[in-house]
């Protein structure tokens, strides 16, 4: 049985150049916004609010906007939180999670993550429509 042909040995002329010299990668602001939105929604106490007309008139939360320059970003977030949650603790958790997820999933360093609590929902305002994964 004949031996299978082997690949020629790698030489300086045939070896690939380092990845960073072969092209570039651009992460669009919308990608950073999508990653950040998912991170925000995973924090306990954050309540997704709005659909349909609410989104058209700007009353949908969370709202995330990102400015990306190279591998750095500035992120602004408006959220709605459940009544009774400590605001400072919850917003710190949002910032921490967004920093980590944007860095790990998008490869972008979030230099600034500004969080605004735009709305606090009282218990009667929190419904199954704005609680993901809740079954009634």
N, C-alpha and C. Protein backbone atom coordinates (compact mmCIF):
# COMPACT_ATOMS: atom_id res chain seq x y z
N UNK A 1 0.85 -1.17 0.00
CA UNK A 1 0.00 0.00 0.00
C UNK A 1 0.88 1.22 0.00
N UNK A 2 0.58 2.14 -0.86
CA UNK A 2 1.41 3.34 -1.00
C UNK A 2 1.11 4.32 0.12
N UNK A 3 2.12 5.01 0.54
CA UNK A 3 1.94 6.04 1.55
C UNK A 3 1.22 7.23 0.94
N UNK A 4 0.33 7.85 1.73
CA UNK A 4 -0.37 9.04 1.26
C UNK A 4 0.62 10.18 1.15
N UNK A 5 0.44 11.01 0.14
CA UNK A 5 1.37 12.13 0.00
C UNK A 5 1.24 13.06 1.20
N UNK A 6 2.35 13.54 1.65
CA UNK A 6 2.33 14.45 2.80
C UNK A 6 2.46 15.88 2.30
N UNK A 7 1.98 16.79 3.13
CA UNK A 7 2.07 18.21 2.78
C UNK A 7 3.52 18.63 2.84
N UNK A 8 3.90 19.55 1.97
CA UNK A 8 5.29 19.99 2.00
C UNK A 8 5.57 20.69 3.33
N UNK A 9 6.78 20.59 3.81
CA UNK A 9 7.10 21.25 5.07
C UNK A 9 6.93 22.76 4.95
N UNK A 10 6.54 23.38 6.04
CA UNK A 10 6.35 24.82 6.06
C UNK A 10 7.70 25.51 6.04
N UNK A 11 7.83 26.43 5.15
CA UNK A 11 9.06 27.23 5.07
C UNK A 11 8.67 28.69 5.24
N UNK A 12 9.63 29.53 5.48
CA UNK A 12 9.29 30.95 5.63
C UNK A 12 8.53 31.49 4.42
N UNK A 13 8.77 30.93 3.23
CA UNK A 13 8.08 31.43 2.04
C UNK A 13 6.63 30.96 1.97
N UNK A 14 6.29 29.77 2.57
CA UNK A 14 4.94 29.24 2.46
C UNK A 14 4.12 29.41 3.74
N UNK A 15 4.73 29.81 4.84
CA UNK A 15 4.00 29.99 6.10
C UNK A 15 3.09 31.21 6.00
N UNK A 16 1.93 31.12 6.66
CA UNK A 16 1.01 32.26 6.68
C UNK A 16 1.57 33.37 7.55
N UNK A 17 1.30 34.57 7.12
CA UNK A 17 1.68 35.73 7.92
C UNK A 17 0.78 35.78 9.15
N UNK A 18 1.20 36.45 10.21
CA UNK A 18 0.33 36.58 11.39
C UNK A 18 -1.03 37.17 11.00
N UNK A 19 -2.07 36.70 11.68
CA UNK A 19 -3.44 37.11 11.34
C UNK A 19 -3.61 38.62 11.32
N UNK A 20 -2.97 39.31 12.26
CA UNK A 20 -3.17 40.77 12.34
C UNK A 20 -2.63 41.50 11.12
N UNK A 21 -1.77 40.84 10.33
CA UNK A 21 -1.22 41.50 9.15
C UNK A 21 -1.94 41.09 7.86
N UNK A 22 -2.89 40.15 7.95
CA UNK A 22 -3.56 39.66 6.75
C UNK A 22 -4.88 40.33 6.46
N UNK A 23 -5.35 41.21 7.32
CA UNK A 23 -6.64 41.86 7.09
C UNK A 23 -7.09 42.56 8.35
N UNK A 24 -8.32 43.01 8.32
CA UNK A 24 -8.83 43.73 9.49
C UNK A 24 -10.22 43.20 9.86
N UNK A 25 -10.62 43.52 11.06
CA UNK A 25 -11.95 43.17 11.53
C UNK A 25 -12.59 44.44 12.05
N UNK A 26 -13.78 44.71 11.59
CA UNK A 26 -14.52 45.87 12.06
C UNK A 26 -15.80 45.37 12.73
N UNK A 27 -16.02 45.80 13.96
CA UNK A 27 -17.24 45.45 14.67
C UNK A 27 -18.17 46.66 14.58
N UNK A 28 -19.32 46.47 13.98
CA UNK A 28 -20.29 47.56 13.79
C UNK A 28 -20.93 47.95 15.12
N UNK A 29 -21.27 49.22 15.27
CA UNK A 29 -21.95 49.65 16.50
C UNK A 29 -23.19 48.82 16.81
N UNK A 30 -23.94 48.42 15.79
CA UNK A 30 -25.16 47.64 16.01
C UNK A 30 -24.86 46.30 16.68
N UNK A 31 -23.72 45.72 16.35
CA UNK A 31 -23.32 44.45 16.98
C UNK A 31 -23.05 44.67 18.46
N UNK A 32 -22.33 45.72 18.79
CA UNK A 32 -22.05 46.05 20.20
C UNK A 32 -23.37 46.32 20.92
N UNK A 33 -24.30 47.03 20.28
CA UNK A 33 -25.60 47.31 20.89
C UNK A 33 -26.39 46.03 21.15
N UNK A 34 -26.33 45.08 20.22
CA UNK A 34 -27.04 43.82 20.39
C UNK A 34 -26.46 43.01 21.55
N UNK A 35 -25.15 42.92 21.62
CA UNK A 35 -24.50 42.20 22.71
C UNK A 35 -24.83 42.88 24.05
N UNK A 36 -24.74 44.20 24.08
CA UNK A 36 -25.02 44.94 25.32
C UNK A 36 -26.48 44.77 25.74
N UNK A 37 -27.41 44.79 24.79
CA UNK A 37 -28.83 44.61 25.12
C UNK A 37 -29.06 43.24 25.75
N UNK A 38 -28.47 42.21 25.19
CA UNK A 38 -28.62 40.86 25.76
C UNK A 38 -28.03 40.82 27.17
N UNK A 39 -26.89 41.48 27.37
CA UNK A 39 -26.26 41.52 28.69
C UNK A 39 -27.16 42.24 29.70
N UNK A 40 -27.74 43.36 29.29
CA UNK A 40 -28.63 44.13 30.18
C UNK A 40 -29.83 43.28 30.57
N UNK A 41 -30.44 42.63 29.61
CA UNK A 41 -31.65 41.84 29.88
C UNK A 41 -31.38 40.65 30.80
N UNK A 42 -30.13 40.24 30.93
CA UNK A 42 -29.79 39.11 31.78
C UNK A 42 -29.60 39.51 33.25
N UNK A 43 -29.62 40.80 33.53
CA UNK A 43 -29.43 41.26 34.91
C UNK A 43 -30.76 41.22 35.65
N UNK A 44 -30.82 40.57 36.81
CA UNK A 44 -32.07 40.53 37.58
C UNK A 44 -32.54 41.95 37.94
N UNK A 45 -33.84 42.17 37.76
CA UNK A 45 -34.42 43.48 38.06
C UNK A 45 -34.67 44.33 36.84
N UNK A 46 -34.01 44.02 35.72
CA UNK A 46 -34.25 44.75 34.48
C UNK A 46 -35.53 44.23 33.87
N UNK A 47 -36.40 45.16 33.47
CA UNK A 47 -37.69 44.79 32.89
C UNK A 47 -37.74 45.30 31.45
N UNK A 48 -37.83 44.38 30.47
CA UNK A 48 -38.01 44.83 29.10
C UNK A 48 -39.40 45.43 28.95
N UNK A 49 -39.48 46.61 28.38
CA UNK A 49 -40.75 47.32 28.26
C UNK A 49 -40.93 47.79 26.82
N UNK A 50 -42.15 47.62 26.34
CA UNK A 50 -42.52 48.21 25.06
C UNK A 50 -42.44 47.26 23.89
N UNK A 51 -43.36 47.46 22.99
CA UNK A 51 -43.37 46.75 21.72
C UNK A 51 -44.25 47.55 20.79
N UNK A 52 -44.19 47.26 19.55
CA UNK A 52 -45.04 47.94 18.58
C UNK A 52 -44.91 49.44 18.62
N UNK A 53 -45.99 50.12 18.97
CA UNK A 53 -46.01 51.58 18.98
C UNK A 53 -45.03 52.16 19.99
N UNK A 54 -44.83 51.50 21.11
CA UNK A 54 -43.85 51.99 22.10
C UNK A 54 -42.47 52.14 21.46
N UNK A 55 -42.08 51.18 20.64
CA UNK A 55 -40.78 51.26 19.99
C UNK A 55 -40.71 52.43 19.02
N UNK A 56 -41.82 52.70 18.33
CA UNK A 56 -41.86 53.80 17.35
C UNK A 56 -41.70 55.15 18.04
N UNK A 57 -42.33 55.33 19.20
CA UNK A 57 -42.29 56.63 19.87
C UNK A 57 -41.17 56.70 20.92
N UNK A 58 -40.30 55.69 20.97
CA UNK A 58 -39.14 55.76 21.84
C UNK A 58 -39.35 55.40 23.29
N UNK A 59 -40.39 54.62 23.59
CA UNK A 59 -40.64 54.21 24.97
C UNK A 59 -40.30 52.75 25.21
N UNK A 60 -39.38 52.23 24.46
CA UNK A 60 -38.98 50.84 24.61
C UNK A 60 -37.70 50.79 25.44
N UNK A 61 -37.67 49.88 26.40
CA UNK A 61 -36.49 49.71 27.25
C UNK A 61 -36.11 48.24 27.30
N UNK A 62 -34.86 47.91 27.37
CA UNK A 62 -33.73 48.82 27.42
C UNK A 62 -33.45 49.43 26.05
N UNK A 63 -32.89 50.63 26.09
CA UNK A 63 -32.39 51.31 24.89
C UNK A 63 -30.89 51.32 25.01
N UNK A 64 -30.21 50.92 23.96
CA UNK A 64 -28.75 50.89 23.99
C UNK A 64 -28.23 51.60 22.74
N UNK A 65 -27.27 52.49 22.94
CA UNK A 65 -26.59 53.16 21.84
C UNK A 65 -25.10 53.02 22.06
N UNK A 66 -24.37 52.72 21.00
CA UNK A 66 -22.92 52.54 21.11
C UNK A 66 -22.21 53.34 20.04
N UNK A 67 -21.12 53.95 20.44
CA UNK A 67 -20.18 54.58 19.51
C UNK A 67 -18.92 53.72 19.56
N UNK A 68 -18.51 53.24 18.39
CA UNK A 68 -17.36 52.34 18.33
C UNK A 68 -16.26 52.99 17.50
N UNK A 69 -15.05 52.99 18.04
CA UNK A 69 -13.87 53.48 17.32
C UNK A 69 -12.79 52.41 17.47
N UNK A 70 -12.56 51.68 16.39
CA UNK A 70 -11.60 50.59 16.46
C UNK A 70 -12.10 49.52 17.40
N UNK A 71 -11.30 49.22 18.42
CA UNK A 71 -11.73 48.19 19.38
C UNK A 71 -12.11 48.80 20.73
N UNK A 72 -12.59 50.04 20.69
CA UNK A 72 -13.07 50.73 21.90
C UNK A 72 -14.48 51.26 21.66
N UNK A 73 -15.28 51.29 22.71
CA UNK A 73 -16.66 51.74 22.58
C UNK A 73 -17.08 52.58 23.78
N UNK A 74 -18.02 53.47 23.51
CA UNK A 74 -18.74 54.19 24.54
C UNK A 74 -20.18 53.74 24.41
N UNK A 75 -20.78 53.28 25.51
CA UNK A 75 -22.12 52.71 25.46
C UNK A 75 -23.03 53.48 26.41
N UNK A 76 -24.23 53.83 25.90
CA UNK A 76 -25.25 54.51 26.70
C UNK A 76 -26.47 53.60 26.78
N UNK A 77 -26.99 53.43 28.00
CA UNK A 77 -28.09 52.51 28.21
C UNK A 77 -29.17 53.19 29.03
N UNK A 78 -30.42 53.08 28.58
CA UNK A 78 -31.59 53.50 29.36
C UNK A 78 -32.34 52.22 29.71
N UNK A 79 -32.70 52.08 30.98
CA UNK A 79 -33.38 50.86 31.43
C UNK A 79 -34.62 51.17 32.24
N UNK A 80 -35.47 50.15 32.32
CA UNK A 80 -36.60 50.14 33.25
C UNK A 80 -36.29 49.05 34.26
N UNK A 81 -36.49 49.37 35.54
CA UNK A 81 -36.21 48.42 36.61
C UNK A 81 -37.46 48.15 37.42
N UNK A 82 -37.48 46.97 38.06
CA UNK A 82 -38.58 46.61 38.96
C UNK A 82 -38.51 47.46 40.22
N UNK A 83 -39.67 47.82 40.74
CA UNK A 83 -39.76 48.51 42.02
C UNK A 83 -39.13 47.63 43.10
N UNK A 84 -38.40 48.27 44.00
CA UNK A 84 -37.83 47.56 45.13
C UNK A 84 -36.39 47.11 44.92
N UNK A 85 -35.88 47.21 43.71
CA UNK A 85 -34.49 46.85 43.46
C UNK A 85 -33.59 48.03 43.87
N UNK A 86 -32.47 47.76 44.51
CA UNK A 86 -31.54 48.86 44.83
C UNK A 86 -30.92 49.38 43.52
N UNK A 87 -31.19 50.63 43.21
CA UNK A 87 -30.80 51.18 41.92
C UNK A 87 -29.29 51.18 41.72
N UNK A 88 -28.53 51.61 42.71
CA UNK A 88 -27.07 51.68 42.56
C UNK A 88 -26.47 50.29 42.34
N UNK A 89 -26.95 49.31 43.08
CA UNK A 89 -26.44 47.94 42.95
C UNK A 89 -26.82 47.35 41.59
N UNK A 90 -28.05 47.57 41.17
CA UNK A 90 -28.52 47.02 39.90
C UNK A 90 -27.80 47.66 38.72
N UNK A 91 -27.62 48.97 38.76
CA UNK A 91 -26.93 49.63 37.64
C UNK A 91 -25.44 49.24 37.62
N UNK A 92 -24.84 49.01 38.78
CA UNK A 92 -23.45 48.52 38.81
C UNK A 92 -23.36 47.13 38.18
N UNK A 93 -24.35 46.28 38.46
CA UNK A 93 -24.38 44.94 37.86
C UNK A 93 -24.55 45.04 36.34
N UNK A 94 -25.36 45.99 35.89
CA UNK A 94 -25.53 46.20 34.44
C UNK A 94 -24.21 46.60 33.82
N UNK A 95 -23.53 47.60 34.41
CA UNK A 95 -22.24 48.05 33.87
C UNK A 95 -21.24 46.90 33.82
N UNK A 96 -21.13 46.15 34.91
CA UNK A 96 -20.16 45.05 34.96
C UNK A 96 -20.44 44.01 33.89
N UNK A 97 -21.72 43.64 33.76
CA UNK A 97 -22.07 42.60 32.79
C UNK A 97 -21.86 43.08 31.35
N UNK A 98 -22.21 44.33 31.07
CA UNK A 98 -22.01 44.87 29.72
C UNK A 98 -20.52 44.93 29.39
N UNK A 99 -19.70 45.44 30.33
CA UNK A 99 -18.25 45.47 30.10
C UNK A 99 -17.74 44.08 29.73
N UNK A 100 -18.10 43.08 30.52
CA UNK A 100 -17.59 41.72 30.33
C UNK A 100 -18.08 41.10 29.02
N UNK A 101 -19.39 41.20 28.76
CA UNK A 101 -19.94 40.54 27.56
C UNK A 101 -19.46 41.20 26.27
N UNK A 102 -19.39 42.52 26.24
CA UNK A 102 -18.91 43.21 25.04
C UNK A 102 -17.44 42.86 24.79
N UNK A 103 -16.64 42.80 25.85
CA UNK A 103 -15.24 42.42 25.71
C UNK A 103 -15.12 40.97 25.23
N UNK A 104 -15.85 40.05 25.90
CA UNK A 104 -15.69 38.63 25.60
C UNK A 104 -16.32 38.21 24.28
N UNK A 105 -17.48 38.75 23.95
CA UNK A 105 -18.19 38.30 22.75
C UNK A 105 -17.87 39.12 21.51
N UNK A 106 -17.61 40.42 21.67
CA UNK A 106 -17.36 41.27 20.50
C UNK A 106 -15.89 41.66 20.37
N UNK A 107 -15.11 41.43 21.42
CA UNK A 107 -13.70 41.80 21.35
C UNK A 107 -13.49 43.31 21.39
N UNK A 108 -14.44 44.01 21.99
CA UNK A 108 -14.39 45.47 22.06
C UNK A 108 -14.31 45.88 23.52
N UNK A 109 -13.44 46.82 23.82
CA UNK A 109 -13.30 47.34 25.19
C UNK A 109 -14.31 48.47 25.37
N UNK A 110 -15.23 48.30 26.30
CA UNK A 110 -16.20 49.36 26.61
C UNK A 110 -15.52 50.32 27.58
N UNK A 111 -15.04 51.45 27.07
CA UNK A 111 -14.36 52.43 27.92
C UNK A 111 -15.33 53.09 28.88
N UNK A 112 -16.54 53.33 28.42
CA UNK A 112 -17.56 53.96 29.24
C UNK A 112 -18.88 53.24 29.03
N UNK A 113 -19.55 52.92 30.14
CA UNK A 113 -20.91 52.38 30.08
C UNK A 113 -21.76 53.26 31.00
N UNK A 114 -22.55 54.14 30.40
CA UNK A 114 -23.42 55.04 31.15
C UNK A 114 -24.81 54.43 31.22
N UNK A 115 -25.34 54.29 32.44
CA UNK A 115 -26.66 53.69 32.63
C UNK A 115 -27.59 54.75 33.22
N UNK A 116 -28.75 54.92 32.59
CA UNK A 116 -29.79 55.80 33.09
C UNK A 116 -31.01 54.96 33.43
N UNK A 117 -31.50 55.09 34.65
CA UNK A 117 -32.75 54.44 35.01
C UNK A 117 -33.85 55.38 34.56
N UNK A 118 -34.47 55.03 33.44
CA UNK A 118 -35.49 55.88 32.82
C UNK A 118 -36.88 55.63 33.37
N UNK A 119 -37.05 54.46 33.99
CA UNK A 119 -38.38 54.11 34.48
C UNK A 119 -38.26 53.05 35.57
N UNK A 120 -39.11 53.16 36.58
CA UNK A 120 -39.23 52.13 37.62
C UNK A 120 -40.66 51.63 37.56
N UNK A 121 -40.81 50.33 37.40
CA UNK A 121 -42.15 49.75 37.29
C UNK A 121 -42.63 49.25 38.64
N UNK A 122 -43.83 49.67 39.01
CA UNK A 122 -44.47 49.19 40.22
C UNK A 122 -44.94 47.75 39.99
N UNK A 123 -45.16 47.00 41.06
CA UNK A 123 -45.53 45.58 40.89
C UNK A 123 -46.70 45.35 39.95
N UNK A 124 -47.73 46.19 39.98
CA UNK A 124 -48.88 45.96 39.09
C UNK A 124 -48.55 46.26 37.62
N UNK A 125 -47.41 46.93 37.34
CA UNK A 125 -47.03 47.23 35.96
C UNK A 125 -46.18 46.13 35.33
N UNK A 126 -45.65 45.23 36.15
CA UNK A 126 -44.84 44.14 35.64
C UNK A 126 -45.78 43.00 35.29
N UNK A 127 -45.80 42.65 34.00
CA UNK A 127 -46.71 41.62 33.50
C UNK A 127 -45.92 40.49 32.84
N UNK A 128 -46.60 39.45 32.48
CA UNK A 128 -45.93 38.35 31.78
C UNK A 128 -45.42 38.80 30.42
N UNK A 129 -45.99 39.87 29.86
CA UNK A 129 -45.52 40.38 28.56
C UNK A 129 -44.13 40.98 28.66
N UNK A 130 -43.76 41.51 29.83
CA UNK A 130 -42.44 42.11 29.93
C UNK A 130 -41.52 41.34 30.86
N UNK A 131 -41.81 40.08 31.09
CA UNK A 131 -40.94 39.20 31.86
C UNK A 131 -40.57 38.01 31.00
N UNK A 132 -39.37 38.03 30.36
CA UNK A 132 -39.00 36.91 29.50
C UNK A 132 -38.90 35.60 30.28
N UNK A 133 -39.40 34.55 29.66
CA UNK A 133 -39.31 33.24 30.27
C UNK A 133 -40.32 32.96 31.37
N UNK A 134 -41.18 33.86 31.68
CA UNK A 134 -42.16 33.65 32.74
C UNK A 134 -43.39 32.94 32.16
N UNK A 135 -43.83 31.93 32.83
CA UNK A 135 -44.99 31.17 32.38
C UNK A 135 -46.12 31.35 33.39
N UNK A 136 -47.32 31.59 32.90
CA UNK A 136 -48.46 31.76 33.81
C UNK A 136 -49.38 30.58 33.68
